Each structure stands twice: as structure tokens, then as C-alpha cells.
Amino acid sequence: MPHLPDVVLWSIPAFVLLTVLEIVSYRFHPDEDERGYGAKDTATSLTMGLGSLLFDAGWKIPILAVYSFLYE
């Protein structure tokens, strides 16, 4: 199986860039029908993304430790 890049890790800079673009866009062209930019929504999304990264790393470290112990 080929080694594929971590999609979540590559998407974080794009997510941050697009969020900043949305903030700037709303400042220059506000929409009267919408509330605008929701900081709570972004905080939730970022927290879930970071939690996903930590969860992925969280199970890999013990597996590597057990494998190293058994190898020795």
C-alpha cells in the first residue's frame, strides 16, 4: 500500500486561510440577512480538528511502545 499524506494535517492551513478570508470578506461585504461570522462555530471546529489529531496520535504511541517492548 502506498504511503499517503495525512489529509487532516494538510487541511489545517487551508482551513485557517479560508476562515481568515471569510472574516475579511464579511468585513468588506456584510450580508444584512445573516448574522455574520460565528466565532463559536470556528472554535468548535478547531477543537474537534485538534481533538482528532490528538486521538490519532494517542493510540499510536502506546502501540509503538508495546511493539518496542516486545521487540526487545
C-alpha atoms as a PDB file:
ATOM      1  CA  MET A   1       0.000   0.000   0.000  1.00  0.00           C
ATOM      2  CA  PRO A   2       1.469   3.406  -0.934  1.00  0.00           C
ATOM      3  CA  HIS A   3       2.309   5.925   1.746  1.00  0.00           C
ATOM      4  CA  LEU A   4      -0.361   8.633   1.603  1.00  0.00           C
ATOM      5  CA  PRO A   5      -0.079  12.069   3.251  1.00  0.00           C
ATOM      6  CA  ASP A   6      -2.147  12.851   6.334  1.00  0.00           C
ATOM      7  CA  VAL A   7      -5.145  14.711   4.925  1.00  0.00           C
ATOM      8  CA  VAL A   8      -6.111  16.305   8.252  1.00  0.00           C
ATOM      9  CA  LEU A   9      -2.635  17.718   8.745  1.00  0.00           C
ATOM     10  CA  TRP A  10      -2.624  19.218   5.248  1.00  0.00           C
ATOM     11  CA  SER A  11      -6.125  20.653   5.605  1.00  0.00           C
ATOM     12  CA  ILE A  12      -5.414  22.715   8.740  1.00  0.00           C
ATOM     13  CA  PRO A  13      -3.560  25.550   6.935  1.00  0.00           C
ATOM     14  CA  ALA A  14      -6.284  25.659   4.277  1.00  0.00           C
ATOM     15  CA  PHE A  15      -8.963  25.796   6.968  1.00  0.00           C
ATOM     16  CA  VAL A  16      -7.238  28.689   8.745  1.00  0.00           C
ATOM     17  CA  LEU A  17      -6.663  30.561   5.481  1.00  0.00           C
ATOM     18  CA  LEU A  18     -10.289  30.173   4.400  1.00  0.00           C
ATOM     19  CA  THR A  19     -11.521  31.254   7.833  1.00  0.00           C
ATOM     20  CA  VAL A  20      -9.451  34.445   7.643  1.00  0.00           C
ATOM     21  CA  LEU A  21     -10.708  35.009   4.099  1.00  0.00           C
ATOM     22  CA  GLU A  22     -14.297  34.653   5.340  1.00  0.00           C
ATOM     23  CA  ILE A  23     -13.710  37.173   8.144  1.00  0.00           C
ATOM     24  CA  VAL A  24     -12.167  39.714   5.766  1.00  0.00           C
ATOM     25  CA  SER A  25     -14.884  39.129   3.181  1.00  0.00           C
ATOM     26  CA  TYR A  26     -17.634  39.728   5.703  1.00  0.00           C
ATOM     27  CA  ARG A  27     -15.985  42.925   6.954  1.00  0.00           C
ATOM     28  CA  PHE A  28     -15.945  44.419   3.446  1.00  0.00           C
ATOM     29  CA  HIS A  29     -19.257  42.979   2.191  1.00  0.00           C
ATOM     30  CA  PRO A  30     -21.630  42.367   5.113  1.00  0.00           C
ATOM     31  CA  ASP A  31     -24.841  40.483   4.442  1.00  0.00           C
ATOM     32  CA  GLU A  32     -27.860  42.155   6.016  1.00  0.00           C
ATOM     33  CA  ASP A  33     -29.836  38.882   6.192  1.00  0.00           C
ATOM     34  CA  GLU A  34     -27.146  36.918   8.040  1.00  0.00           C
ATOM     35  CA  ARG A  35     -25.611  37.290  11.475  1.00  0.00           C
ATOM     36  CA  GLY A  36     -22.134  37.175  10.041  1.00  0.00           C
ATOM     37  CA  TYR A  37     -19.097  35.326  11.231  1.00  0.00           C
ATOM     38  CA  GLY A  38     -19.651  32.952  14.144  1.00  0.00           C
ATOM     39  CA  ALA A  39     -16.553  32.677  16.334  1.00  0.00           C
ATOM     40  CA  LYS A  40     -18.134  29.903  18.442  1.00  0.00           C
ATOM     41  CA  ASP A  41     -18.609  27.732  15.364  1.00  0.00           C
ATOM     42  CA  THR A  42     -14.980  28.145  14.387  1.00  0.00           C
ATOM     43  CA  ALA A  43     -13.784  27.412  17.913  1.00  0.00           C
ATOM     44  CA  THR A  44     -15.844  24.223  17.893  1.00  0.00           C
ATOM     45  CA  SER A  45     -14.474  23.139  14.521  1.00  0.00           C
ATOM     46  CA  LEU A  46     -10.875  23.841  15.526  1.00  0.00           C
ATOM     47  CA  THR A  47     -11.309  21.975  18.804  1.00  0.00           C
ATOM     48  CA  MET A  48     -12.749  18.964  17.012  1.00  0.00           C
ATOM     49  CA  GLY A  49      -9.919  19.017  14.462  1.00  0.00           C
ATOM     50  CA  LEU A  50      -7.230  19.204  17.129  1.00  0.00           C
ATOM     51  CA  GLY A  51      -9.002  16.506  19.121  1.00  0.00           C
ATOM     52  CA  SER A  52      -8.928  14.291  16.048  1.00  0.00           C
ATOM     53  CA  LEU A  53      -5.182  14.817  15.689  1.00  0.00           C
ATOM     54  CA  LEU A  54      -4.590  14.053  19.365  1.00  0.00           C
ATOM     55  CA  PHE A  55      -6.784  10.960  19.193  1.00  0.00           C
ATOM     56  CA  ASP A  56      -4.864   9.675  16.172  1.00  0.00           C
ATOM     57  CA  ALA A  57      -1.536  10.242  17.918  1.00  0.00           C
ATOM     58  CA  GLY A  58      -2.920   8.979  21.239  1.00  0.00           C
ATOM     59  CA  TRP A  59      -3.402   5.385  20.119  1.00  0.00           C
ATOM     60  CA  LYS A  60      -0.245   5.219  18.000  1.00  0.00           C
ATOM     61  CA  ILE A  61       2.147   5.999  20.847  1.00  0.00           C
ATOM     62  CA  PRO A  62       1.070   3.088  23.125  1.00  0.00           C
ATOM     63  CA  ILE A  63       1.089   0.683  20.169  1.00  0.00           C
ATOM     64  CA  LEU A  64       4.635   1.757  19.305  1.00  0.00           C
ATOM     65  CA  ALA A  65       5.699   1.373  22.957  1.00  0.00           C
ATOM     66  CA  VAL A  66       4.253  -2.154  23.166  1.00  0.00           C
ATOM     67  CA  TYR A  67       5.837  -3.101  19.846  1.00  0.00           C
ATOM     68  CA  SER A  68       9.227  -1.762  21.012  1.00  0.00           C
ATOM     69  CA  PHE A  69       8.929  -3.647  24.301  1.00  0.00           C
ATOM     70  CA  LEU A  70       8.075  -6.910  22.546  1.00  0.00           C
ATOM     71  CA  TYR A  71      10.862  -6.415  20.023  1.00  0.00           C
ATOM     72  CA  GLU A  72      13.445  -6.098  22.771  1.00  0.00           C
END
